[in-house]
């Protein structure tokens, strides 16, 4: 594509993002202005209690996730060669691709009122085990997702410690405590604020886990309260007040993350562990093995319970149900178009930013260039349920809001997956541009020929990685469809939540197994493609010249 075309495509992509976010805010502002007294009156003790619980559960979840992750990461770092280590680190990436509602079902299968451990927990309690609904269930679910993520981020920080430091520590005969104080803790301490902020943001914007495991108004966060206010009470004025407070909290957290320099998308691939020159003693080795085993059991438990419960369901009957067929087809179609749109918008922003960067020939970047580089990050400030709430309020003036469900699910999920898609596409695109930009200009190679000969050979795997990752995220999302879903438009997460709400737990377990397997297959495909993408050969200048001659 020519530079002007790429820049125009970037402008269209930014316009689409602005339309989605701006439309949501327009709906909220119009509703608030039309019923200002109702919106102000919504700031009552209940709203403040919900806000206080939102912050409190996020703080507790962060502490319970980050502190154990420090020790688990150190234990893994001190033992770089034990059998199965690479498999274990890969296992810690599985929760990143597991839909939240599937994990919630796994936790209920383990610790619910009729869970596998219910009998054992009843023995230690004063009577029958009441289940894990409420704050305890929310905390367990958040730790299940965030402890592996924090462990991987801390382990990456420890792997970045120069090998010379370990060699010198070995020569000086350092033990476990001095090496932790002088080498490991400084690396962990530098990473700690950013990791804690990232986990806190994930917990404060959690919707599906709280909706499934909250268990009542005493364990309700702002996002769940927004959903309940619109779907059950239909009180738009209160929804506006809740949404405003949610945005304020999210903006504050994201601003803190930006100040700390945290990458809010996390890290998917681990770096290779450096060689170590210290050998832990027997006592330390036993303690580290215990920590690694406990963390592994904590991560494996809900996943194993999901598989076991799913296999106990009547899978043959579920496979024959028209509702399941429709939900699977709807989920795959919506996820496909969401991933396609996400990749197209991400590529447009990437190409536009690079074209603007080359055009200015040094100097300060323009505002438009800055927006093409960071515009997709703004969507992280506004959670999906907030965008959905704004459009839900706005579209109710245009007719039946549930008729817009497919468009809203595709649009919101596509934009929300863009930060992850950009991570996969931008490095490969910029590297290809740096290698071939001058030669393409000399040969007059642009448009479709440039895309076919230069960019696609390098970007084929990154684009496929971004597509698979975006499709997995969209497939497992419950946020937007929870607002816009109906009997006419049902995705697998929506159908699963319906079955769980009607106490058809066996059916919910079977659907959770199906949904989890599909999402994990997509995540494994994305991870595999990302790994293969590192070995994509450089497109040779000779081939470009041959194409010029043939033309």
Protein backbone atom coordinates (compact mmCIF):
# COMPACT_ATOMS: atom_id res chain seq x y z
CA UNK A 1 0.00 0.00 0.00
CA UNK A 2 1.14 3.56 -0.69
CA UNK A 3 1.96 5.78 2.27
CA UNK A 4 -1.15 7.95 1.83
CA UNK A 5 -3.36 4.86 1.69
CA UNK A 6 -1.78 3.42 4.83
CA UNK A 7 -2.21 6.70 6.67
CA UNK A 8 -5.86 6.88 5.58
CA UNK A 9 -6.42 3.31 6.76
CA UNK A 10 -4.99 4.25 10.15
CA UNK A 11 -7.35 7.19 10.35
CA UNK A 12 -10.31 4.92 9.58
CA UNK A 13 -9.18 2.49 12.31
CA UNK A 14 -8.87 5.31 14.86
CA UNK A 15 -12.29 6.58 13.78
CA UNK A 16 -13.81 3.14 14.41
CA UNK A 17 -12.30 3.01 17.90
CA UNK A 18 -13.43 6.56 18.60
CA UNK A 19 -16.94 5.79 17.38
CA UNK A 20 -17.24 2.76 19.65
CA UNK A 21 -15.94 4.50 22.77
CA UNK A 22 -17.52 7.86 21.93
CA UNK A 23 -20.90 6.30 21.25
CA UNK A 24 -20.83 4.63 24.65
CA UNK A 25 -20.00 7.91 26.36
CA UNK A 26 -22.66 9.72 24.32
CA UNK A 27 -25.31 7.30 25.55
CA UNK A 28 -24.19 7.77 29.14
CA UNK A 29 -24.00 11.57 28.89
CA UNK A 30 -27.38 11.91 27.19
CA UNK A 31 -29.01 9.71 29.78
CA UNK A 32 -27.33 11.54 32.63
CA UNK A 33 -28.31 14.93 31.24
CA UNK A 34 -31.89 13.80 30.67
CA UNK A 35 -32.24 12.51 34.24
CA UNK A 36 -29.63 14.46 36.15
CA UNK A 37 -31.46 14.30 39.45
CA UNK A 38 -31.81 10.54 39.18
CA UNK A 39 -28.12 10.11 38.37
CA UNK A 40 -27.09 12.30 41.32
CA UNK A 41 -29.53 10.54 43.65
CA UNK A 42 -27.93 7.21 42.68
CA UNK A 43 -24.84 8.17 44.68
CA UNK A 44 -26.31 6.63 47.79
CA UNK A 45 -24.82 4.40 50.52
CA UNK A 46 -25.41 1.29 48.39
CA UNK A 47 -23.31 2.64 45.52
CA UNK A 48 -20.52 3.61 47.91
CA UNK A 49 -20.64 0.16 49.50
CA UNK A 50 -20.35 -1.47 46.08
CA UNK A 51 -17.39 0.77 45.23
CA UNK A 52 -15.74 -0.05 48.55
CA UNK A 53 -16.20 -3.80 47.96
CA UNK A 54 -14.81 -3.44 44.42
CA UNK A 55 -11.60 -1.91 45.75
CA UNK A 56 -11.38 -4.25 48.73
CA UNK A 57 -11.70 -7.48 46.75
CA UNK A 58 -9.19 -6.19 44.18
CA UNK A 59 -6.70 -5.32 46.93
CA UNK A 60 -7.07 -8.69 48.66
CA UNK A 61 -6.85 -10.57 45.37
CA UNK A 62 -3.69 -8.67 44.46
CA UNK A 63 -1.96 -9.47 47.75
CA UNK A 64 -2.97 -13.13 47.64
CA UNK A 65 -1.78 -13.44 44.03
CA UNK A 66 1.43 -11.42 44.05
CA UNK A 67 3.03 -12.40 47.36
CA UNK A 68 2.97 -16.19 46.75
CA UNK A 69 4.05 -15.57 43.14
CA UNK A 70 7.27 -13.97 44.39
CA UNK A 71 8.28 -17.17 46.17
CA UNK A 72 7.08 -19.53 43.44
CA UNK A 73 9.00 -17.58 40.79
CA UNK A 74 12.14 -17.65 42.93
CA UNK A 75 11.75 -21.39 43.48
CA UNK A 76 11.45 -21.96 39.72
CA UNK A 77 14.40 -19.67 39.10
CA UNK A 78 16.63 -21.53 41.57
CA UNK A 79 15.96 -24.84 39.80
CA UNK A 80 16.33 -24.23 36.05
CA UNK A 81 16.88 -27.85 35.01
CA UNK A 82 14.41 -30.12 36.80
CA UNK A 83 12.36 -32.48 34.57
CA UNK A 84 9.10 -31.00 33.37
CA UNK A 85 10.05 -27.40 34.13
CA UNK A 86 9.28 -26.16 30.62
CA UNK A 87 5.95 -28.01 30.69
CA UNK A 88 5.13 -26.45 34.06
CA UNK A 89 5.84 -22.92 32.87
CA UNK A 90 3.67 -23.61 29.85
CA UNK A 91 0.93 -24.86 32.18
CA UNK A 92 1.04 -21.52 34.01
CA UNK A 93 0.09 -19.85 30.71
CA UNK A 94 -3.10 -21.91 30.34
CA UNK A 95 -5.26 -19.70 32.63
CA UNK A 96 -4.50 -16.76 30.32
CA UNK A 97 -6.51 -18.44 27.58
CA UNK A 98 -9.19 -20.05 29.73
CA UNK A 99 -12.58 -18.30 29.74
CA UNK A 100 -13.43 -16.93 33.15
CA UNK A 101 -16.76 -18.74 33.33
CA UNK A 102 -15.02 -22.07 32.65
CA UNK A 103 -12.60 -21.46 35.50
CA UNK A 104 -15.49 -20.47 37.76
CA UNK A 105 -17.22 -23.78 36.98
CA UNK A 106 -14.01 -25.63 37.79
CA UNK A 107 -13.70 -23.91 41.15
CA UNK A 108 -17.33 -24.70 41.95
CA UNK A 109 -16.74 -28.33 40.97
CA UNK A 110 -13.92 -28.45 43.51
CA UNK A 111 -15.15 -26.25 46.34
CA UNK A 112 -18.87 -25.79 45.74
CA UNK A 113 -21.64 -27.12 47.94
CA UNK A 114 -21.62 -30.39 45.98
CA UNK A 115 -17.94 -30.17 44.99
CA UNK A 116 -15.30 -32.85 45.23
CA UNK A 117 -13.91 -31.39 48.48
CA UNK A 118 -17.29 -30.55 50.04
CA UNK A 119 -17.24 -33.60 52.32
CA UNK A 120 -13.72 -32.93 53.54
CA UNK A 121 -14.46 -29.26 54.16
CA UNK A 122 -17.64 -30.16 56.08
CA UNK A 123 -15.53 -32.18 58.51
CA UNK A 124 -13.42 -29.16 59.38
CA UNK A 125 -16.46 -26.87 59.51
CA UNK A 126 -19.35 -26.69 61.93
CA UNK A 127 -21.78 -28.46 59.60
CA UNK A 128 -22.59 -28.87 55.96
CA UNK A 129 -20.22 -27.00 53.66
CA UNK A 130 -22.18 -23.98 52.32
CA UNK A 131 -20.09 -23.62 49.18
CA UNK A 132 -17.58 -21.02 48.10
CA UNK A 133 -19.89 -18.29 46.87
CA UNK A 134 -19.14 -14.74 47.97
CA UNK A 135 -15.84 -13.07 48.71
CA UNK A 136 -14.02 -16.38 49.22
CA UNK A 137 -14.99 -17.68 45.79
CA UNK A 138 -14.03 -14.40 44.13
CA UNK A 139 -10.61 -14.44 45.80
CA UNK A 140 -9.88 -18.06 44.88
CA UNK A 141 -10.86 -17.42 41.26
CA UNK A 142 -8.75 -14.27 41.00
CA UNK A 143 -5.73 -16.01 42.49
CA UNK A 144 -6.19 -18.92 40.07
CA UNK A 145 -5.91 -16.52 37.14
CA UNK A 146 -3.37 -14.04 38.46
CA UNK A 147 -0.88 -16.11 40.46
CA UNK A 148 0.40 -17.91 37.30
CA UNK A 149 0.57 -14.59 35.43
CA UNK A 150 2.49 -12.87 38.23
CA UNK A 151 4.80 -15.89 38.57
CA UNK A 152 5.71 -15.75 34.88
CA UNK A 153 6.37 -12.01 35.01
CA UNK A 154 8.55 -12.33 38.12
CA UNK A 155 10.38 -15.29 36.60
CA UNK A 156 11.10 -13.24 33.50
CA UNK A 157 12.59 -10.51 35.72
CA UNK A 158 14.83 -13.07 37.44
CA UNK A 159 15.88 -14.54 34.10
CA UNK A 160 16.99 -11.06 33.04
CA UNK A 161 19.62 -10.92 35.81
CA UNK A 162 23.04 -11.02 34.06
CA UNK A 163 24.87 -14.34 34.24
CA UNK A 164 27.97 -12.53 35.52
CA UNK A 165 26.13 -11.74 38.75
CA UNK A 166 25.49 -15.41 39.38
CA UNK A 167 29.05 -16.35 38.47
CA UNK A 168 30.41 -13.78 40.91
CA UNK A 169 28.00 -14.96 43.64
CA UNK A 170 29.22 -18.52 43.13
CA UNK A 171 32.85 -17.46 43.36
CA UNK A 172 32.14 -15.61 46.61
CA UNK A 173 30.32 -18.65 48.04
CA UNK A 174 27.00 -16.84 48.57
CA UNK A 175 24.21 -18.79 50.24
CA UNK A 176 20.49 -18.55 49.62
CA UNK A 177 19.84 -15.53 51.85
CA UNK A 178 22.68 -13.28 50.62
CA UNK A 179 21.93 -14.10 46.98
CA UNK A 180 18.25 -13.29 47.54
CA UNK A 181 19.04 -10.01 49.30
CA UNK A 182 21.74 -8.80 46.91
CA UNK A 183 20.71 -10.27 43.53
CA UNK A 184 17.16 -11.60 43.38
CA UNK A 185 15.26 -9.12 45.53
CA UNK A 186 16.48 -6.00 43.64
CA UNK A 187 15.21 -7.55 40.38
CA UNK A 188 11.90 -8.56 41.95
CA UNK A 189 11.49 -5.24 43.74
CA UNK A 190 11.85 -3.32 40.47
CA UNK A 191 9.13 -5.47 38.89
CA UNK A 192 6.82 -5.68 41.90
CA UNK A 193 4.92 -2.36 41.57
CA UNK A 194 4.11 -2.94 37.91
CA UNK A 195 3.00 -6.55 38.42
CA UNK A 196 0.89 -5.64 41.44
CA UNK A 197 -0.71 -2.78 39.51
CA UNK A 198 -1.47 -5.02 36.56
CA UNK A 199 -3.11 -7.66 38.77
CA UNK A 200 -5.07 -4.99 40.64
CA UNK A 201 -6.42 -3.63 37.35
CA UNK A 202 -7.46 -7.10 36.22
CA UNK A 203 -9.28 -7.65 39.51
CA UNK A 204 -11.01 -4.27 39.63
CA UNK A 205 -12.43 -4.83 36.13
CA UNK A 206 -13.42 -8.45 36.74
CA UNK A 207 -16.98 -9.17 35.69
CA UNK A 208 -17.64 -12.82 34.86
CA UNK A 209 -16.01 -14.24 37.99
CA UNK A 210 -17.90 -11.91 40.31
CA UNK A 211 -21.16 -12.45 38.43
CA UNK A 212 -20.80 -16.24 38.72
CA UNK A 213 -19.26 -16.57 42.19
CA UNK A 214 -20.45 -13.40 43.97
CA UNK A 215 -23.56 -15.04 45.31
CA UNK A 216 -25.56 -11.93 46.18
CA UNK A 217 -25.65 -8.16 46.73
CA UNK A 218 -23.09 -8.36 49.56
CA UNK A 219 -20.42 -9.47 47.06
CA UNK A 220 -21.15 -7.21 44.09
CA UNK A 221 -18.68 -5.07 42.17
CA UNK A 222 -19.44 -2.01 40.10
CA UNK A 223 -19.44 -3.89 36.78
CA UNK A 224 -21.86 -6.53 38.06
CA UNK A 225 -24.05 -3.79 39.52
CA UNK A 226 -24.16 -2.08 36.10
CA UNK A 227 -25.31 -5.33 34.49
CA UNK A 228 -27.97 -5.96 37.15
CA UNK A 229 -29.21 -2.38 36.98
CA UNK A 230 -29.78 -2.56 33.22
CA UNK A 231 -30.96 -6.15 32.75
CA UNK A 232 -33.10 -6.62 35.87
CA UNK A 233 -33.99 -3.22 37.35
CA UNK A 234 -33.67 -1.17 34.15
CA UNK A 235 -32.66 1.97 36.00
CA UNK A 236 -30.54 3.88 33.44
CA UNK A 237 -29.89 6.77 35.82
CA UNK A 238 -28.30 4.47 38.40
CA UNK A 239 -26.41 2.68 35.62
CA UNK A 240 -24.90 6.02 34.55
CA UNK A 241 -23.76 6.73 38.11
CA UNK A 242 -22.25 3.27 38.47
CA UNK A 243 -20.53 3.55 35.10
CA UNK A 244 -19.09 6.96 35.92
CA UNK A 245 -17.61 5.66 39.15
CA UNK A 246 -16.23 2.57 37.39
CA UNK A 247 -14.53 4.74 34.76
CA UNK A 248 -13.00 6.97 37.44
CA UNK A 249 -11.55 3.97 39.26
CA UNK A 250 -10.26 2.36 36.06
CA UNK A 251 -8.66 5.58 34.80
CA UNK A 252 -6.92 6.02 38.15
CA UNK A 253 -5.52 2.48 38.03
CA UNK A 254 -4.40 2.73 34.39
CA UNK A 255 -2.74 6.09 35.10
CA UNK A 256 -0.85 4.48 37.95
CA UNK A 257 0.21 1.62 35.67
CA UNK A 258 1.43 4.09 33.06
CA UNK A 259 3.44 5.91 35.72
CA UNK A 260 5.00 2.62 36.76
CA UNK A 261 5.75 1.72 33.16
CA UNK A 262 3.72 -1.47 33.23
CA UNK A 263 2.70 -3.33 30.09
CA UNK A 264 -0.99 -3.97 30.72
CA UNK A 265 -1.19 -6.78 28.17
CA UNK A 266 1.13 -9.04 30.10
CA UNK A 267 3.65 -11.39 28.56
CA UNK A 268 2.79 -14.61 26.74
CA UNK A 269 6.21 -16.04 25.87
CA UNK A 270 8.96 -16.70 28.38
CA UNK A 271 12.60 -16.00 27.77
CA UNK A 272 15.17 -18.76 27.97
CA UNK A 273 16.52 -19.28 31.47
CA UNK A 274 20.12 -18.26 31.94
CA UNK A 275 22.67 -20.64 33.31
CA UNK A 276 23.05 -20.51 37.08
CA UNK A 277 26.17 -21.07 39.14
CA UNK A 278 24.57 -21.64 42.56
CA UNK A 279 23.32 -25.00 43.83
CA UNK A 280 20.53 -24.86 46.45
CA UNK A 281 21.02 -26.96 49.58
CA UNK A 282 18.77 -29.85 50.52
CA UNK A 283 16.59 -27.84 52.87
CA UNK A 284 16.06 -25.05 50.34
CA UNK A 285 15.47 -27.58 47.56
CA UNK A 286 12.77 -29.31 49.63
CA UNK A 287 11.07 -25.98 50.40
CA UNK A 288 11.20 -24.92 46.76
CA UNK A 289 9.81 -28.25 45.62
CA UNK A 290 6.91 -27.85 48.08
CA UNK A 291 6.12 -24.36 46.81
CA UNK A 292 6.21 -25.47 43.18
CA UNK A 293 4.04 -28.50 43.94
CA UNK A 294 1.42 -26.46 45.82
CA UNK A 295 1.26 -23.84 43.05
CA UNK A 296 0.94 -26.57 40.43
CA UNK A 297 -1.88 -28.27 42.31
CA UNK A 298 -3.67 -24.94 42.74
CA UNK A 299 -3.53 -24.27 39.01
CA UNK A 300 -4.25 -27.83 37.88
CA UNK A 301 -7.10 -28.42 40.35
CA UNK A 302 -9.86 -26.30 38.74
CA UNK A 303 -8.85 -27.39 35.25
CA UNK A 304 -8.89 -31.06 36.21
CA UNK A 305 -12.25 -30.58 37.97
CA UNK A 306 -13.65 -28.93 34.83
CA UNK A 307 -12.58 -31.91 32.73
CA UNK A 308 -13.87 -34.45 35.24
CA UNK A 309 -17.23 -32.71 35.68
CA UNK A 310 -17.59 -32.21 31.94
CA UNK A 311 -16.96 -35.87 31.21
CA UNK A 312 -19.63 -36.83 33.77
CA UNK A 313 -22.24 -34.76 31.92
CA UNK A 314 -24.49 -36.25 29.28
CA UNK A 315 -22.32 -35.12 26.40
CA UNK A 316 -24.21 -37.17 23.83
CA UNK A 317 -27.49 -35.44 24.69
CA UNK A 318 -25.85 -32.01 24.71
CA UNK A 319 -24.30 -32.70 21.32
CA UNK A 320 -27.78 -33.34 19.89
CA UNK A 321 -29.48 -30.25 21.34
CA UNK A 322 -30.38 -27.56 18.77
CA UNK A 323 -29.70 -24.85 21.37
CA UNK A 324 -26.10 -26.07 21.74
CA UNK A 325 -25.65 -26.27 17.97
CA UNK A 326 -26.91 -22.73 17.61
CA UNK A 327 -24.73 -21.43 20.45
CA UNK A 328 -21.59 -23.07 19.02
CA UNK A 329 -22.24 -21.73 15.53
CA UNK A 330 -23.10 -18.26 16.85
CA UNK A 331 -19.98 -18.19 19.04
CA UNK A 332 -17.66 -19.26 16.24
CA UNK A 333 -19.16 -16.87 13.70
CA UNK A 334 -19.09 -13.86 16.03
CA UNK A 335 -15.59 -14.72 17.26
CA UNK A 336 -14.38 -15.15 13.68
CA UNK A 337 -15.62 -11.74 12.57
CA UNK A 338 -14.39 -10.11 15.80
CA UNK A 339 -10.91 -11.57 15.26
CA UNK A 340 -10.94 -10.57 11.59
CA UNK A 341 -11.93 -7.01 12.45
CA UNK A 342 -9.37 -6.85 15.28
CA UNK A 343 -6.53 -7.97 13.02
CA UNK A 344 -7.59 -5.59 10.22
CA UNK A 345 -7.74 -2.59 12.57
CA UNK A 346 -4.45 -3.54 14.23
CA UNK A 347 -2.69 -3.90 10.88
CA UNK A 348 -4.09 -0.57 9.70
CA UNK A 349 -2.80 1.22 12.81
CA UNK A 350 0.59 -0.48 12.55
CA UNK A 351 1.07 0.38 8.86
CA UNK A 352 -0.16 3.94 9.38
CA UNK A 353 2.17 4.57 12.32
CA UNK A 354 5.16 3.27 10.36
CA UNK A 355 4.28 5.39 7.31
CA UNK A 356 3.97 8.51 9.45
CA UNK A 357 7.24 7.70 11.19
CA UNK A 358 9.08 7.42 7.85
CA UNK A 359 7.46 10.55 6.45
CA UNK A 360 8.57 12.91 9.24
CA UNK A 361 12.33 12.08 8.80
CA UNK A 362 13.11 12.56 12.46
CA UNK A 363 11.78 15.22 14.79
CA UNK A 364 8.87 15.02 17.17
CA UNK A 365 5.95 12.76 16.19
CA UNK A 366 2.61 14.36 15.44
CA UNK A 367 -0.48 13.81 17.52
CA UNK A 368 -1.92 11.60 14.80
CA UNK A 369 1.19 9.40 14.84
CA UNK A 370 1.02 9.13 18.62
CA UNK A 371 -2.62 8.10 18.41
CA UNK A 372 -1.88 5.39 15.83
CA UNK A 373 0.72 4.03 18.23
CA UNK A 374 -1.25 4.25 21.46
CA UNK A 375 -4.89 4.69 20.40
CA UNK A 376 -5.76 1.05 20.91
CA UNK A 377 -4.49 1.27 24.47
CA UNK A 378 -7.30 3.66 25.40
CA UNK A 379 -9.78 0.80 25.23
CA UNK A 380 -8.14 -0.65 28.34
CA UNK A 381 -9.40 2.36 30.30
CA UNK A 382 -13.03 1.51 29.51
CA UNK A 383 -14.05 -2.07 30.42
CA UNK A 384 -16.29 -3.95 27.95
CA UNK A 385 -19.29 -3.87 30.26
CA UNK A 386 -19.03 -0.06 30.40
CA UNK A 387 -18.95 0.20 26.59
CA UNK A 388 -21.85 -2.21 26.40
CA UNK A 389 -23.81 -0.24 28.99
CA UNK A 390 -23.36 3.03 27.10
CA UNK A 391 -24.50 1.54 23.81
CA UNK A 392 -27.34 -0.34 25.53
CA UNK A 393 -28.70 2.97 26.82
CA UNK A 394 -28.13 4.72 23.48
CA UNK A 395 -29.62 2.01 21.24
CA UNK A 396 -32.80 1.62 23.24
CA UNK A 397 -33.98 4.84 21.54
CA UNK A 398 -33.46 3.20 18.11
CA UNK A 399 -35.62 0.14 18.74
CA UNK A 400 -35.12 -3.29 20.24
CA UNK A 401 -31.57 -3.24 21.65
CA UNK A 402 -31.30 -7.04 21.45
CA UNK A 403 -31.42 -6.87 17.64
CA UNK A 404 -28.02 -5.15 17.76
CA UNK A 405 -26.41 -7.98 19.74
CA UNK A 406 -24.24 -9.45 16.90
CA UNK A 407 -22.86 -6.06 15.88
CA UNK A 408 -22.08 -5.02 19.45
CA UNK A 409 -20.43 -8.32 20.38
CA UNK A 410 -18.22 -8.26 17.27
CA UNK A 411 -17.28 -4.58 17.60
CA UNK A 412 -16.52 -4.55 21.33
CA UNK A 413 -14.61 -7.84 21.36
CA UNK A 414 -12.60 -6.82 18.28
CA UNK A 415 -11.48 -3.54 19.81
CA UNK A 416 -10.77 -5.08 23.20
CA UNK A 417 -8.45 -7.66 21.58
CA UNK A 418 -6.48 -5.03 19.65
CA UNK A 419 -3.77 -4.39 22.27
CA UNK A 420 -2.89 -8.10 22.14
CA UNK A 421 -3.07 -8.24 18.34
CA UNK A 422 -0.76 -5.25 18.05
CA UNK A 423 1.85 -7.03 20.16
CA UNK A 424 1.97 -9.82 17.61
CA UNK A 425 1.85 -7.72 14.42
CA UNK A 426 3.85 -4.54 15.05
CA UNK A 427 7.38 -5.95 15.69
CA UNK A 428 7.35 -8.11 12.55
CA UNK A 429 5.86 -5.34 10.41
CA UNK A 430 8.36 -2.72 11.56
CA UNK A 431 11.27 -5.13 11.07
CA UNK A 432 10.17 -5.92 7.50
CA UNK A 433 9.71 -2.23 6.78
CA UNK A 434 13.17 -1.38 8.09
CA UNK A 435 14.75 -4.02 5.83
CA UNK A 436 12.85 -3.38 2.62
CA UNK A 437 11.46 0.17 2.68
CA UNK A 438 14.20 1.76 0.55
CA UNK A 439 14.27 -1.08 -1.95
CA UNK A 440 10.48 -0.97 -2.35
CA UNK A 441 10.71 2.76 -3.03
CA UNK A 442 13.45 2.25 -5.63
CA UNK A 443 11.47 -0.46 -7.40
CA UNK A 444 8.18 1.40 -7.16
CA UNK A 445 6.70 -1.57 -5.34
CA UNK A 446 3.46 -0.65 -3.56
CA UNK A 447 -0.12 -1.67 -3.08
CA UNK A 448 -1.07 -5.30 -3.51
CA UNK A 449 2.33 -6.33 -4.91
CA UNK A 450 4.15 -5.00 -1.87
CA UNK A 451 1.67 -6.64 0.46
CA UNK A 452 1.96 -9.97 -1.37
CA UNK A 453 5.73 -10.05 -1.85
CA UNK A 454 7.13 -8.22 1.16
CA UNK A 455 4.70 -8.05 4.02
CA UNK A 456 2.65 -11.25 3.87
CA UNK A 457 5.65 -13.65 3.90
CA UNK A 458 6.80 -12.00 7.13
CA UNK A 459 3.42 -11.21 8.64
CA UNK A 460 1.60 -14.43 7.80
CA UNK A 461 2.39 -16.08 11.12
CA UNK A 462 2.05 -12.92 13.28
CA UNK A 463 -1.31 -12.21 11.65
CA UNK A 464 -2.42 -15.79 12.27
CA UNK A 465 -1.20 -15.53 15.88
CA UNK A 466 -3.14 -12.32 16.44
CA UNK A 467 -6.22 -13.83 14.79
CA UNK A 468 -6.17 -16.99 16.92
CA UNK A 469 -5.59 -15.01 20.12
CA UNK A 470 -8.34 -12.49 19.36
CA UNK A 471 -10.75 -15.27 18.42
CA UNK A 472 -10.06 -17.10 21.70
CA UNK A 473 -10.64 -13.93 23.73
CA UNK A 474 -13.87 -13.18 21.91
CA UNK A 475 -15.12 -16.76 22.10
CA UNK A 476 -14.91 -16.89 25.88
CA UNK A 477 -16.23 -13.40 26.63
CA UNK A 478 -19.42 -12.98 28.64
CA UNK A 479 -19.34 -9.21 29.23
CA UNK A 480 -21.17 -7.74 26.24
CA UNK A 481 -23.36 -10.74 25.45
CA UNK A 482 -24.59 -10.69 29.07
CA UNK A 483 -26.23 -7.35 28.28
CA UNK A 484 -27.32 -7.92 24.68
CA UNK A 485 -27.92 -11.68 24.71
CA UNK A 486 -31.40 -13.13 24.26
CA UNK A 487 -33.10 -16.32 23.13
CA UNK A 488 -32.47 -15.23 19.55
CA UNK A 489 -28.72 -14.62 19.99
CA UNK A 490 -26.92 -16.99 22.35
CA UNK A 491 -23.21 -17.72 22.55
CA UNK A 492 -21.67 -20.64 24.40
CA UNK A 493 -20.75 -18.54 27.47
CA UNK A 494 -24.26 -17.07 27.54
CA UNK A 495 -25.91 -20.50 27.24
CA UNK A 496 -23.56 -21.87 29.89
CA UNK A 497 -24.47 -19.05 32.27
CA UNK A 498 -28.16 -19.64 31.63
CA UNK A 499 -27.85 -23.35 32.42
CA UNK A 500 -25.91 -22.57 35.58
CA UNK A 501 -28.53 -20.01 36.65
CA UNK A 502 -31.30 -22.57 36.21
CA UNK A 503 -29.36 -25.08 38.36
CA UNK A 504 -28.61 -27.40 35.42
CA UNK A 505 -25.05 -27.77 36.64
CA UNK A 506 -24.35 -31.00 34.74
CA UNK A 507 -25.20 -29.33 31.44
CA UNK A 508 -23.14 -26.29 32.43
CA UNK A 509 -20.16 -28.54 33.17
CA UNK A 510 -20.41 -30.20 29.76
CA UNK A 511 -20.65 -26.84 27.99
CA UNK A 512 -17.71 -25.54 30.03
CA UNK A 513 -15.59 -28.48 28.88
CA UNK A 514 -16.49 -27.80 25.25
CA UNK A 515 -15.84 -24.07 25.51
CA UNK A 516 -12.58 -24.58 27.36
CA UNK A 517 -11.25 -27.05 24.79
CA UNK A 518 -12.07 -24.73 21.89
CA UNK A 519 -10.41 -21.70 23.53
CA UNK A 520 -7.33 -23.67 24.61
CA UNK A 521 -6.94 -25.08 21.11
CA UNK A 522 -6.96 -21.53 19.74
CA UNK A 523 -4.47 -20.34 22.37
CA UNK A 524 -2.14 -23.26 21.66
CA UNK A 525 -2.37 -22.47 17.96
CA UNK A 526 -1.51 -18.82 18.68
CA UNK A 527 1.44 -19.83 20.87
CA UNK A 528 2.66 -22.32 18.27
CA UNK A 529 2.40 -19.80 15.47
CA UNK A 530 4.21 -17.20 17.57
CA UNK A 531 7.05 -19.64 18.12
CA UNK A 532 7.27 -20.56 14.44
CA UNK A 533 7.11 -16.93 13.49
CA UNK A 534 10.56 -16.39 15.00
CA UNK A 535 12.07 -18.55 12.29
CA UNK A 536 10.39 -16.88 9.30
CA UNK A 537 13.14 -16.32 6.69
CA UNK A 538 14.03 -12.88 5.50
CA UNK A 539 12.54 -12.02 2.14
CA UNK A 540 15.51 -11.61 -0.21
CA UNK A 541 16.26 -8.52 -2.27
CA UNK A 542 16.90 -10.82 -5.23
CA UNK A 543 13.27 -11.92 -5.29
CA UNK A 544 12.10 -8.31 -5.27
CA UNK A 545 14.31 -7.45 -8.23
CA UNK A 546 13.09 -10.50 -10.10
CA UNK A 547 9.51 -9.38 -9.56
CA UNK A 548 10.40 -5.92 -10.88
CA UNK A 549 11.85 -7.49 -14.04
CA UNK A 550 8.81 -9.74 -14.54
CA UNK A 551 6.53 -6.70 -14.32
